[in-house]
Every structure is written in structure tokens, then in C-alpha cells.
C-alpha atoms as a PDB file:
ATOM      1  CA  MET A   1      24.706 -47.381 -56.859  1.00  0.00           C
ATOM      2  CA  PRO A   2      21.838 -49.002 -55.070  1.00  0.00           C
ATOM      3  CA  ALA A   3      18.674 -46.835 -54.811  1.00  0.00           C
ATOM      4  CA  LEU A   4      16.172 -48.706 -52.785  1.00  0.00           C
ATOM      5  CA  ALA A   5      16.075 -50.920 -49.799  1.00  0.00           C
ATOM      6  CA  LEU A   6      13.553 -53.092 -47.694  1.00  0.00           C
ATOM      7  CA  ALA A   7      13.651 -51.808 -44.144  1.00  0.00           C
ATOM      8  CA  PHE A   8      11.586 -53.221 -41.017  1.00  0.00           C
ATOM      9  CA  ASP A   9      11.250 -51.848 -37.660  1.00  0.00           C
ATOM     10  CA  VAL A  10      10.614 -54.602 -35.161  1.00  0.00           C
ATOM     11  CA  GLY A  11       8.724 -53.230 -31.861  1.00  0.00           C
ATOM     12  CA  GLY A  12       7.143 -55.013 -28.998  1.00  0.00           C
ATOM     13  CA  THR A  13       3.611 -53.767 -30.376  1.00  0.00           C
ATOM     14  CA  SER A  14       3.923 -54.022 -34.063  1.00  0.00           C
ATOM     15  CA  VAL A  15       6.290 -54.662 -37.078  1.00  0.00           C
ATOM     16  CA  ARG A  16       6.460 -51.921 -39.642  1.00  0.00           C
ATOM     17  CA  GLY A  17       8.049 -52.539 -42.891  1.00  0.00           C
ATOM     18  CA  ALA A  18       8.594 -50.260 -45.920  1.00  0.00           C
ATOM     19  CA  VAL A  19      10.438 -49.848 -49.407  1.00  0.00           C
ATOM     20  CA  VAL A  20      12.791 -46.769 -48.788  1.00  0.00           C
ATOM     21  CA  GLY A  21      14.271 -44.986 -51.749  1.00  0.00           C
ATOM     22  CA  ALA A  22      16.498 -41.845 -52.146  1.00  0.00           C
ATOM     23  CA  ALA A  23      16.025 -38.870 -49.987  1.00  0.00           C
ATOM     24  CA  ASP A  24      14.624 -41.371 -47.495  1.00  0.00           C
ATOM     25  CA  VAL A  25      11.230 -41.415 -49.413  1.00  0.00           C
ATOM     26  CA  VAL A  26       8.835 -44.243 -48.339  1.00  0.00           C
ATOM     27  CA  LEU A  27       7.502 -45.642 -51.579  1.00  0.00           C
ATOM     28  CA  ALA A  28       5.303 -48.302 -49.820  1.00  0.00           C
ATOM     29  CA  GLU A  29       4.647 -49.313 -46.294  1.00  0.00           C
ATOM     30  CA  SER A  30       2.900 -51.973 -44.158  1.00  0.00           C
ATOM     31  CA  ARG A  31       2.551 -53.248 -40.606  1.00  0.00           C
ATOM     32  CA  VAL A  32       1.604 -56.179 -38.585  1.00  0.00           C
ATOM     33  CA  ALA A  33       1.194 -56.797 -34.955  1.00  0.00           C
ATOM     34  CA  THR A  34       4.123 -58.561 -33.330  1.00  0.00           C
ATOM     35  CA  ARG A  35       3.852 -61.949 -32.573  1.00  0.00           C
ATOM     36  CA  ILE A  36       6.185 -63.467 -29.756  1.00  0.00           C
ATOM     37  CA  GLY A  37       8.922 -65.990 -30.941  1.00  0.00           C
ATOM     38  CA  PRO A  38      10.272 -67.200 -34.039  1.00  0.00           C
ATOM     39  CA  ALA A  39       6.935 -66.424 -35.692  1.00  0.00           C
ATOM     40  CA  VAL A  40       8.116 -62.901 -35.956  1.00  0.00           C
ATOM     41  CA  LEU A  41      10.914 -63.440 -38.532  1.00  0.00           C
ATOM     42  CA  ASP A  42       8.033 -65.531 -40.666  1.00  0.00           C
ATOM     43  CA  ASP A  43       5.884 -62.142 -40.480  1.00  0.00           C
ATOM     44  CA  ILE A  44       8.799 -59.975 -41.795  1.00  0.00           C
ATOM     45  CA  ALA A  45       9.403 -62.484 -44.866  1.00  0.00           C
ATOM     46  CA  ARG A  46       5.994 -62.462 -45.626  1.00  0.00           C
ATOM     47  CA  MET A  47       5.803 -58.688 -45.425  1.00  0.00           C
ATOM     48  CA  GLY A  48       8.869 -58.313 -47.442  1.00  0.00           C
ATOM     49  CA  GLU A  49       7.510 -60.481 -50.339  1.00  0.00           C
ATOM     50  CA  GLY A  50       4.256 -58.349 -50.320  1.00  0.00           C
ATOM     51  CA  LEU A  51       6.333 -55.370 -50.438  1.00  0.00           C
ATOM     52  CA  LEU A  52       8.443 -56.522 -53.171  1.00  0.00           C
ATOM     53  CA  ALA A  53       5.471 -57.657 -55.090  1.00  0.00           C
ATOM     54  CA  GLY A  54       3.595 -54.356 -55.222  1.00  0.00           C
ATOM     55  CA  LEU A  55       6.711 -52.668 -56.947  1.00  0.00           C
ATOM     56  CA  SER A  56       6.833 -52.309 -60.608  1.00  0.00           C
ATOM     57  CA  PRO A  57       9.613 -54.477 -62.120  1.00  0.00           C
ATOM     58  CA  ALA A  58      11.955 -51.649 -62.685  1.00  0.00           C
ATOM     59  CA  ALA A  59      11.629 -50.495 -58.940  1.00  0.00           C
ATOM     60  CA  ARG A  60      12.045 -54.207 -57.868  1.00  0.00           C
ATOM     61  CA  ALA A  61      15.274 -54.141 -59.755  1.00  0.00           C
ATOM     62  CA  GLU A  62      16.594 -51.394 -57.742  1.00  0.00           C
ATOM     63  CA  VAL A  63      15.921 -52.990 -54.235  1.00  0.00           C
ATOM     64  CA  ALA A  64      19.521 -53.728 -53.304  1.00  0.00           C
ATOM     65  CA  ALA A  65      19.414 -54.619 -49.558  1.00  0.00           C
ATOM     66  CA  VAL A  66      17.432 -55.308 -46.563  1.00  0.00           C
ATOM     67  CA  GLY A  67      17.538 -53.443 -43.428  1.00  0.00           C
ATOM     68  CA  VAL A  68      16.216 -54.827 -39.824  1.00  0.00           C
ATOM     69  CA  ALA A  69      16.041 -52.687 -36.780  1.00  0.00           C
ATOM     70  CA  PHE A  70      15.691 -55.105 -33.993  1.00  0.00           C
ATOM     71  CA  PRO A  71      15.119 -54.544 -30.090  1.00  0.00           C
ATOM     72  CA  GLY A  72      17.216 -55.956 -27.210  1.00  0.00           C
ATOM     73  CA  LEU A  73      20.842 -57.303 -27.343  1.00  0.00           C
ATOM     74  CA  VAL A  74      21.908 -57.411 -30.947  1.00  0.00           C
ATOM     75  CA  ASP A  75      25.200 -58.963 -32.458  1.00  0.00           C
ATOM     76  CA  THR A  76      25.280 -56.945 -35.600  1.00  0.00           C
ATOM     77  CA  GLU A  77      28.024 -58.364 -36.893  1.00  0.00           C
ATOM     78  CA  ALA A  78      26.761 -61.887 -36.910  1.00  0.00           C
ATOM     79  CA  GLY A  79      23.046 -61.010 -37.580  1.00  0.00           C
ATOM     80  CA  ILE A  80      21.805 -62.545 -34.418  1.00  0.00           C
ATOM     81  CA  SER A  81      19.337 -61.509 -31.617  1.00  0.00           C
ATOM     82  CA  ARG A  82      21.273 -62.426 -28.667  1.00  0.00           C
ATOM     83  CA  ARG A  83      18.346 -61.631 -26.300  1.00  0.00           C
ATOM     84  CA  ALA A  84      14.954 -59.556 -27.093  1.00  0.00           C
ATOM     85  CA  VAL A  85      12.862 -60.064 -23.986  1.00  0.00           C
ATOM     86  CA  ASN A  86       9.857 -58.657 -25.502  1.00  0.00           C
ATOM     87  CA  LEU A  87       9.912 -61.008 -28.407  1.00  0.00           C
ATOM     88  CA  GLY A  88      10.786 -64.164 -26.509  1.00  0.00           C
ATOM     89  CA  LEU A  89      14.020 -64.749 -28.496  1.00  0.00           C
ATOM     90  CA  VAL A  90      17.268 -65.885 -27.417  1.00  0.00           C
ATOM     91  CA  ASP A  91      20.454 -66.469 -29.806  1.00  0.00           C
ATOM     92  CA  THR A  92      18.202 -66.363 -32.857  1.00  0.00           C
ATOM     93  CA  LEU A  93      19.504 -65.836 -36.312  1.00  0.00           C
ATOM     94  CA  VAL A  94      17.858 -63.111 -37.955  1.00  0.00           C
ATOM     95  CA  ALA A  95      20.094 -61.949 -41.107  1.00  0.00           C
ATOM     96  CA  ALA A  96      20.613 -65.444 -42.536  1.00  0.00           C
ATOM     97  CA  PRO A  97      17.101 -66.986 -42.888  1.00  0.00           C
ATOM     98  CA  LEU A  98      15.854 -63.614 -44.223  1.00  0.00           C
ATOM     99  CA  ALA A  99      18.585 -63.326 -46.534  1.00  0.00           C
ATOM    100  CA  GLU A 100      17.696 -66.654 -47.832  1.00  0.00           C
ATOM    101  CA  HIS A 101      14.056 -66.139 -47.970  1.00  0.00           C
ATOM    102  CA  LEU A 102      14.159 -62.754 -49.869  1.00  0.00           C
ATOM    103  CA  GLY A 103      17.164 -63.029 -51.869  1.00  0.00           C
ATOM    104  CA  LEU A 104      19.031 -60.068 -50.716  1.00  0.00           C
ATOM    105  CA  PRO A 105      21.891 -59.232 -48.250  1.00  0.00           C
ATOM    106  CA  VAL A 106      20.499 -58.135 -44.794  1.00  0.00           C
ATOM    107  CA  THR A 107      21.849 -55.980 -42.339  1.00  0.00           C
ATOM    108  CA  VAL A 108      20.517 -56.153 -38.795  1.00  0.00           C
ATOM    109  CA  ALA A 109      20.867 -53.198 -36.388  1.00  0.00           C
ATOM    110  CA  HIS A 110      19.759 -52.456 -32.804  1.00  0.00           C
ATOM    111  CA  ASP A 111      16.766 -50.626 -33.213  1.00  0.00           C
ATOM    112  CA  THR A 112      17.572 -47.593 -30.953  1.00  0.00           C
ATOM    113  CA  ALA A 113      20.767 -47.164 -32.702  1.00  0.00           C
ATOM    114  CA  ALA A 114      19.190 -47.276 -36.086  1.00  0.00           C
ATOM    115  CA  ALA A 115      16.538 -44.826 -35.214  1.00  0.00           C
ATOM    116  CA  ALA A 116      18.538 -42.366 -33.449  1.00  0.00           C
ATOM    117  CA  GLY A 117      21.252 -42.369 -36.170  1.00  0.00           C
ATOM    118  CA  ALA A 118      18.551 -41.325 -38.305  1.00  0.00           C
ATOM    119  CA  ILE A 119      16.877 -38.825 -36.081  1.00  0.00           C
ATOM    120  CA  TRP A 120      20.382 -37.231 -35.436  1.00  0.00           C
ATOM    121  CA  GLU A 121      21.256 -36.682 -39.038  1.00  0.00           C
ATOM    122  CA  ASP A 122      17.935 -35.550 -39.760  1.00  0.00           C
ATOM    123  CA  ALA A 123      18.216 -32.880 -37.151  1.00  0.00           C
ATOM    124  CA  GLY A 124      21.558 -31.827 -38.674  1.00  0.00           C
ATOM    125  CA  SER A 125      24.050 -33.735 -36.748  1.00  0.00           C
ATOM    126  CA  PRO A 126      24.379 -31.610 -33.802  1.00  0.00           C
ATOM    127  CA  ALA A 127      27.649 -31.817 -31.900  1.00  0.00           C
ATOM    128  CA  SER A 128      25.913 -32.417 -28.569  1.00  0.00           C
ATOM    129  CA  ALA A 129      22.692 -33.947 -28.249  1.00  0.00           C
ATOM    130  CA  PHE A 130      20.676 -36.644 -26.442  1.00  0.00           C
ATOM    131  CA  VAL A 131      18.352 -38.408 -29.056  1.00  0.00           C
ATOM    132  CA  ALA A 132      15.600 -40.394 -27.347  1.00  0.00           C
ATOM    133  CA  VAL A 133      13.237 -42.972 -29.197  1.00  0.00           C
ATOM    134  CA  LEU A 134      10.056 -43.089 -27.641  1.00  0.00           C
ATOM    135  CA  GLY A 135       7.782 -46.455 -28.468  1.00  0.00           C
ATOM    136  CA  THR A 136       6.960 -49.614 -26.932  1.00  0.00           C
ATOM    137  CA  GLY A 137      10.282 -49.213 -25.365  1.00  0.00           C
ATOM    138  CA  VAL A 138      12.408 -45.847 -24.302  1.00  0.00           C
ATOM    139  CA  ALA A 139      15.866 -45.816 -25.149  1.00  0.00           C
ATOM    140  CA  ALA A 140      18.273 -43.129 -26.560  1.00  0.00           C
ATOM    141  CA  VAL A 141      21.958 -42.270 -27.777  1.00  0.00           C
ATOM    142  CA  THR A 142      24.073 -39.590 -26.582  1.00  0.00           C
ATOM    143  CA  TYR A 143      26.166 -37.680 -29.042  1.00  0.00           C
ATOM    144  CA  VAL A 144      29.355 -35.803 -27.894  1.00  0.00           C
ATOM    145  CA  GLY A 145      31.678 -34.019 -30.138  1.00  0.00           C
ATOM    146  CA  GLY A 146      29.730 -35.388 -32.968  1.00  0.00           C
ATOM    147  CA  ARG A 147      30.221 -39.088 -32.019  1.00  0.00           C
ATOM    148  CA  ALA A 148      27.678 -41.520 -30.411  1.00  0.00           C
ATOM    149  CA  ILE A 149      28.804 -42.679 -26.981  1.00  0.00           C
ATOM    150  CA  LEU A 150      27.643 -46.265 -26.588  1.00  0.00           C
ATOM    151  CA  GLY A 151      29.477 -47.251 -23.445  1.00  0.00           C
ATOM    152  CA  VAL A 152      31.642 -50.467 -22.949  1.00  0.00           C
ATOM    153  CA  SER A 153      28.681 -52.715 -23.041  1.00  0.00           C
ATOM    154  CA  GLY A 154      27.069 -51.013 -25.946  1.00  0.00           C
ATOM    155  CA  GLN A 155      23.907 -50.024 -24.225  1.00  0.00           C
ATOM    156  CA  ALA A 156      24.438 -46.686 -23.071  1.00  0.00           C
ATOM    157  CA  GLY A 157      21.406 -44.689 -22.998  1.00  0.00           C
ATOM    158  CA  GLU A 158      18.831 -47.059 -21.681  1.00  0.00           C
ATOM    159  CA  ILE A 159      16.705 -44.164 -20.037  1.00  0.00           C
ATOM    160  CA  GLY A 160      13.699 -46.427 -20.056  1.00  0.00           C
ATOM    161  CA  HIS A 161      15.350 -48.310 -17.135  1.00  0.00           C
ATOM    162  CA  LEU A 162      16.264 -45.288 -14.952  1.00  0.00           C
ATOM    163  CA  VAL A 163      13.866 -45.707 -11.959  1.00  0.00           C
ATOM    164  CA  VAL A 164      11.907 -42.448 -11.429  1.00  0.00           C
ATOM    165  CA  ASP A 165       9.465 -43.907  -8.775  1.00  0.00           C
ATOM    166  CA  PRO A 166      10.465 -46.902  -6.675  1.00  0.00           C
ATOM    167  CA  ALA A 167       6.925 -47.447  -5.749  1.00  0.00           C
ATOM    168  CA  GLY A 168       5.645 -47.343  -9.217  1.00  0.00           C
ATOM    169  CA  PRO A 169       4.414 -49.949 -11.577  1.00  0.00           C
ATOM    170  CA  ARG A 170       6.295 -53.080 -12.380  1.00  0.00           C
ATOM    171  CA  CYS A 171       8.496 -52.669 -15.531  1.00  0.00           C
ATOM    172  CA  GLY A 172       9.176 -55.464 -18.045  1.00  0.00           C
ATOM    173  CA  CYS A 173      12.675 -55.499 -16.666  1.00  0.00           C
ATOM    174  CA  GLY A 174      11.462 -56.644 -13.165  1.00  0.00           C
ATOM    175  CA  LEU A 175      12.055 -53.161 -11.193  1.00  0.00           C
ATOM    176  CA  ARG A 176       9.283 -50.852 -10.315  1.00  0.00           C
ATOM    177  CA  GLY A 177       8.834 -47.351 -11.221  1.00  0.00           C
ATOM    178  CA  CYS A 178      11.038 -47.264 -14.509  1.00  0.00           C
ATOM    179  CA  VAL A 179      10.578 -44.329 -17.150  1.00  0.00           C
ATOM    180  CA  GLU A 180       9.300 -47.300 -19.440  1.00  0.00           C
ATOM    181  CA  ALA A 181       6.806 -48.267 -16.979  1.00  0.00           C
ATOM    182  CA  TYR A 182       4.990 -45.037 -17.189  1.00  0.00           C
ATOM    183  CA  ALA A 183       5.927 -43.759 -20.818  1.00  0.00           C
ATOM    184  CA  GLY A 184       6.246 -46.820 -23.010  1.00  0.00           C
ATOM    185  CA  ALA A 185       3.443 -47.261 -25.367  1.00  0.00           C
ATOM    186  CA  ARG A 186       2.499 -50.731 -24.284  1.00  0.00           C
ATOM    187  CA  ALA A 187       2.822 -49.636 -20.492  1.00  0.00           C
ATOM    188  CA  MET A 188       0.571 -46.727 -20.904  1.00  0.00           C
ATOM    189  CA  LEU A 189      -2.190 -48.772 -22.733  1.00  0.00           C
ATOM    190  CA  GLU A 190      -1.978 -51.533 -20.022  1.00  0.00           C
ATOM    191  CA  ARG A 191      -2.244 -48.883 -17.474  1.00  0.00           C
ATOM    192  CA  TYR A 192      -5.276 -47.314 -18.933  1.00  0.00           C
ATOM    193  CA  ALA A 193      -7.137 -50.529 -19.533  1.00  0.00           C
ATOM    194  CA  SER A 194      -6.372 -51.685 -15.612  1.00  0.00           C
ATOM    195  CA  ARG A 195      -7.989 -48.423 -14.387  1.00  0.00           C
ATOM    196  CA  GLY A 196     -10.964 -49.394 -16.121  1.00  0.00           C
ATOM    197  CA  GLY A 197     -10.244 -47.524 -19.347  1.00  0.00           C
ATOM    198  CA  ASP A 198     -11.998 -48.362 -22.602  1.00  0.00           C
ATOM    199  CA  THR A 199     -10.292 -51.676 -23.903  1.00  0.00           C
ATOM    200  CA  ARG A 200     -10.939 -50.954 -27.427  1.00  0.00           C
ATOM    201  CA  VAL A 201      -8.168 -48.058 -27.306  1.00  0.00           C
ATOM    202  CA  SER A 202      -5.287 -49.709 -28.999  1.00  0.00           C
ATOM    203  CA  GLY A 203      -2.721 -47.077 -29.637  1.00  0.00           C
ATOM    204  CA  VAL A 204      -1.233 -44.181 -27.974  1.00  0.00           C
ATOM    205  CA  ALA A 205      -2.445 -41.579 -30.620  1.00  0.00           C
ATOM    206  CA  GLU A 206      -5.935 -42.581 -29.530  1.00  0.00           C
ATOM    207  CA  LEU A 207      -5.064 -42.505 -26.051  1.00  0.00           C
ATOM    208  CA  VAL A 208      -3.904 -38.902 -26.203  1.00  0.00           C
ATOM    209  CA  ALA A 209      -7.039 -37.667 -28.226  1.00  0.00           C
ATOM    210  CA  ARG A 210      -9.202 -39.015 -25.418  1.00  0.00           C
ATOM    211  CA  ALA A 211      -7.168 -37.287 -22.889  1.00  0.00           C
ATOM    212  CA  GLU A 212      -8.910 -34.250 -23.944  1.00  0.00           C
ATOM    213  CA  TYR A 213     -12.277 -35.597 -22.393  1.00  0.00           C
ATOM    214  CA  ASP A 214     -11.270 -38.882 -20.733  1.00  0.00           C
ATOM    215  CA  ARG A 215      -9.921 -38.499 -17.055  1.00  0.00           C
ATOM    216  CA  LEU A 216      -8.388 -41.730 -16.938  1.00  0.00           C
ATOM    217  CA  ALA A 217      -6.458 -41.355 -20.261  1.00  0.00           C
ATOM    218  CA  ALA A 218      -5.764 -37.962 -19.114  1.00  0.00           C
ATOM    219  CA  GLU A 219      -4.117 -39.345 -15.754  1.00  0.00           C
ATOM    220  CA  VAL A 220      -2.040 -41.829 -17.746  1.00  0.00           C
ATOM    221  CA  TRP A 221      -0.917 -39.325 -20.202  1.00  0.00           C
ATOM    222  CA  SER A 222       0.156 -36.965 -17.435  1.00  0.00           C
ATOM    223  CA  GLU A 223       2.156 -39.638 -15.601  1.00  0.00           C
ATOM    224  CA  ALA A 224       4.035 -40.579 -18.549  1.00  0.00           C
ATOM    225  CA  ILE A 225       4.703 -36.868 -19.043  1.00  0.00           C
ATOM    226  CA  THR A 226       6.131 -36.899 -15.483  1.00  0.00           C
ATOM    227  CA  ALA A 227       8.218 -39.768 -15.956  1.00  0.00           C
ATOM    228  CA  LEU A 228       9.801 -38.541 -19.021  1.00  0.00           C
ATOM    229  CA  ALA A 229      10.380 -34.998 -17.588  1.00  0.00           C
ATOM    230  CA  ASP A 230      12.095 -36.549 -14.444  1.00  0.00           C
ATOM    231  CA  GLY A 231      14.164 -38.964 -16.732  1.00  0.00           C
ATOM    232  CA  PHE A 232      15.463 -36.225 -18.980  1.00  0.00           C
ATOM    233  CA  LEU A 233      16.265 -34.027 -15.904  1.00  0.00           C
ATOM    234  CA  ALA A 234      18.376 -36.750 -14.643  1.00  0.00           C
ATOM    235  CA  VAL A 235      20.198 -36.959 -17.862  1.00  0.00           C
ATOM    236  CA  GLY A 236      20.584 -33.072 -17.997  1.00  0.00           C
ATOM    237  CA  ALA A 237      22.119 -33.273 -14.502  1.00  0.00           C
ATOM    238  CA  LEU A 238      24.520 -35.923 -15.615  1.00  0.00           C
ATOM    239  CA  LEU A 239      25.293 -35.026 -19.392  1.00  0.00           C
ATOM    240  CA  ALA A 240      23.882 -31.388 -19.816  1.00  0.00           C
ATOM    241  CA  PRO A 241      23.339 -32.194 -23.444  1.00  0.00           C
ATOM    242  CA  GLY A 242      23.263 -29.219 -25.922  1.00  0.00           C
ATOM    243  CA  GLU A 243      19.391 -30.247 -26.762  1.00  0.00           C
ATOM    244  CA  ILE A 244      17.371 -33.489 -26.166  1.00  0.00           C
ATOM    245  CA  ILE A 245      15.657 -34.532 -29.693  1.00  0.00           C
ATOM    246  CA  LEU A 246      12.629 -36.801 -29.486  1.00  0.00           C
ATOM    247  CA  GLY A 247      11.358 -39.420 -32.107  1.00  0.00           C
ATOM    248  CA  GLY A 248       9.664 -42.736 -32.253  1.00  0.00           C
ATOM    249  CA  GLY A 249       5.844 -43.521 -32.217  1.00  0.00           C
ATOM    250  CA  VAL A 250       4.931 -41.778 -29.195  1.00  0.00           C
ATOM    251  CA  ALA A 251       6.676 -38.596 -30.449  1.00  0.00           C
ATOM    252  CA  GLU A 252       4.093 -38.527 -33.086  1.00  0.00           C
ATOM    253  CA  ALA A 253       1.732 -36.900 -30.238  1.00  0.00           C
ATOM    254  CA  ARG A 254       3.702 -33.839 -31.417  1.00  0.00           C
ATOM    255  CA  ARG A 255       2.820 -30.607 -29.250  1.00  0.00           C
ATOM    256  CA  ALA A 256       0.483 -32.735 -27.061  1.00  0.00           C
ATOM    257  CA  LEU A 257       3.826 -34.331 -25.936  1.00  0.00           C
ATOM    258  CA  LEU A 258       6.237 -31.367 -26.258  1.00  0.00           C
ATOM    259  CA  ASP A 259       4.388 -28.492 -24.654  1.00  0.00           C
ATOM    260  CA  PRO A 260       3.595 -30.297 -21.552  1.00  0.00           C
ATOM    261  CA  LEU A 261       6.998 -32.063 -21.331  1.00  0.00           C
ATOM    262  CA  GLN A 262       8.730 -28.765 -21.422  1.00  0.00           C
ATOM    263  CA  ALA A 263       6.497 -27.312 -18.805  1.00  0.00           C
ATOM    264  CA  ARG A 264       6.766 -30.201 -16.458  1.00  0.00           C
ATOM    265  CA  MET A 265      10.691 -30.100 -16.655  1.00  0.00           C
ATOM    266  CA  ARG A 266      10.592 -26.467 -15.865  1.00  0.00           C
ATOM    267  CA  GLU A 267       8.151 -27.133 -13.058  1.00  0.00           C
ATOM    268  CA  ARG A 268      10.563 -29.783 -11.378  1.00  0.00           C
ATOM    269  CA  ALA A 269      13.975 -28.615 -12.446  1.00  0.00           C
ATOM    270  CA  GLY A 270      15.070 -27.146  -9.141  1.00  0.00           C
ATOM    271  CA  VAL A 271      18.877 -26.030  -9.889  1.00  0.00           C
ATOM    272  CA  THR A 272      19.264 -28.330 -13.042  1.00  0.00           C
ATOM    273  CA  ALA A 273      19.472 -26.458 -16.185  1.00  0.00           C
ATOM    274  CA  VAL A 274      16.642 -27.586 -18.609  1.00  0.00           C
ATOM    275  CA  PRO A 275      17.863 -28.416 -22.101  1.00  0.00           C
ATOM    276  CA  PRO A 276      15.702 -27.288 -25.112  1.00  0.00           C
ATOM    277  CA  VAL A 277      13.801 -30.254 -26.321  1.00  0.00           C
ATOM    278  CA  ARG A 278      12.675 -30.622 -29.929  1.00  0.00           C
ATOM    279  CA  LEU A 279      10.729 -33.153 -32.168  1.00  0.00           C
ATOM    280  CA  SER A 280      12.507 -35.125 -35.137  1.00  0.00           C
ATOM    281  CA  THR A 281      10.433 -34.641 -38.237  1.00  0.00           C
ATOM    282  CA  LEU A 282      10.986 -38.327 -38.657  1.00  0.00           C
ATOM    283  CA  GLY A 283       8.339 -39.577 -36.136  1.00  0.00           C
ATOM    284  CA  GLY A 284       7.636 -43.211 -36.102  1.00  0.00           C
ATOM    285  CA  ARG A 285       9.453 -43.801 -39.296  1.00  0.00           C
ATOM    286  CA  ALA A 286      12.869 -43.089 -37.748  1.00  0.00           C
ATOM    287  CA  GLY A 287      13.720 -46.923 -37.196  1.00  0.00           C
ATOM    288  CA  LEU A 288      12.819 -47.736 -40.801  1.00  0.00           C
ATOM    289  CA  ILE A 289      14.832 -44.726 -42.262  1.00  0.00           C
ATOM    290  CA  GLY A 290      17.714 -45.814 -40.250  1.00  0.00           C
ATOM    291  CA  ALA A 291      17.491 -49.414 -41.147  1.00  0.00           C
ATOM    292  CA  ALA A 292      17.250 -48.524 -44.812  1.00  0.00           C
ATOM    293  CA  ARG A 293      20.147 -46.240 -44.753  1.00  0.00           C
ATOM    294  CA  LEU A 294      22.431 -48.667 -42.932  1.00  0.00           C
ATOM    295  CA  ALA A 295      21.410 -51.559 -45.264  1.00  0.00           C
ATOM    296  CA  LEU A 296      22.430 -49.361 -48.378  1.00  0.00           C
ATOM    297  CA  ALA A 297      25.592 -48.246 -46.700  1.00  0.00           C
ATOM    298  CA  ALA A 298      26.671 -51.877 -46.132  1.00  0.00           C
ATOM    299  CA  VAL A 299      25.947 -52.581 -49.777  1.00  0.00           C
ATOM    300  CA  ARG A 300      27.952 -49.621 -51.074  1.00  0.00           C
ATOM    301  CA  THR A 301      30.973 -50.812 -48.492  1.00  0.00           C
ATOM    302  CA  ASN A 302      30.889 -54.360 -49.615  1.00  0.00           C
ATOM    303  CA  PRO A 303      29.307 -54.450 -53.267  1.00  0.00           C
END
């Protein structure tokens, strides 16, 4: 049975690549800044070559598939990016050119579905859960009765584009005051810089660390917490999930995210029941793990 997979998680800020083995063990990992347009596929191919070259011959022989977690509208059957706004791609082949370049079968999945599936399974596959993936984008998958509810369009769970402040900052989708416009990783860094913050701050982890002593960083982080709290309270009012599970790169802030988020939700809940919130153990690797699992499952199904 196949043991190893190359996995890629394509985000609006960076592309992460890894060799993932049994029990989701990451044997090697790399990251590059995301380039806009078809160049992102060239970067994935080069990253894949580099990861494979770093393996021993025996380990290289165990790599059986490639999994790519891709943002936007994804045609998983055809392996095509139908529309990825943050990447500037429309109707772009993803699976075929990567398969040709790397000499391995390629599975393309929606990034949120891949990450949320891994988070949900890692959390024990709870029957009722709202699994939110917090990164450059903010999206989620709802599980009811142990099944993912994807909606008629397949895009249910786009909490990032739930408007929580109509007078708020412009979101990438064109609306104002979306959750993602406050709590998306790129949005936080842009708002911090626009207010006169240190332009050398390049990641959310650094922003959160600075919030201890930097007033502007603290303001931006607090606003992100409030937007997430309001978004999750809306989810609670509509769906009453058994729990909310957080994963993705922003969730790597751990207690600096969880503690104020839970407090803010209790403060602003009104009559809405506040679902319990917990953090995934997978953190920012959830997309990689999910992509690897899907790729290996596809090989097992179609050897």
C-alpha cells in the first residue's frame, strides 16, 4: 500500500509543501511566497522536485501521489482551478501539468475541504461541529450527523464573507466589513501597516506577539477577535453546532486566540447559546495533511 505523498497547500500568502507519511508524519517541509498567476504552478513543481530530491532512494520509491489543496472554485474531478481570485487564475489546469512534471498522480481538492476534513477527523469525527480554517481566507465546513454539509453550490461555510460591519473595511470580495476583512491573515497585516505599524511585520504570529506592547497591533488583533466572535455567534444562532473547532495558520496563535475569542463571544452573545470552541492540534498543517490523505486515498481506490 502507498506510504508517502507529496502535499501542497496553496494560500494567498504562501505555498506550503511537504512529504507526508504514515500517521500524518511530516518528513520534510518547505514554503515559498505565493506568486500570482500560472507562476504558482511552476513554484509547486519546483518545490516538489526539491522535496523529492531530499529523500533517500528508498523513501522516494514510497512516494505514490501528490495532493494539492487549492483555493477558490475547484473542479476536483477535472483537476482544474475554475476561479481563484487571490491567485488571478481562471479555468486553469492544475492536476495535468503537475502530474506530467512530477511523474505522479495528482489529486486537487478545495483547500477548506481538505483542511477541515483533516481537522474533523483529528478531532475524533464529532457528529456535530463547525470546523473553521483561519488563514489568508476564512472558511468552514459544517458537520451534521457526521456528514459534511456542502450546500447546493458546494460552497457552504463561507463565513469569511459574512458581513459583520457594513461600514467596515473593503473585503477582497468587494463587500465591506466581512469577517475575512478583519480576521484574514493578509487583511490583518495590511490594516496594521496602513495605520502606521512596522512594515517589517510579515506574519500573524509576529503581529500577535507585538500585541503585548504595540498599541496598533493590539487594536488590529482585537478587531479580528471581535469579527470572529460575531461570525461564530451568527453560526451558533443559525446552526447551533455541538462545537466549533479552529485550525489553519491563524489558529497557531493558540491561547492568544482562543481565550479572548471565547470571552468576546460570551460578552456579545445576548440570548444566543455560545458553542464550545477548541483548537485543532494540526494548526497550519491541516491543509497539507488533508491533501496528503486525499491523494493517498485516491491511489488506494484507483491503484
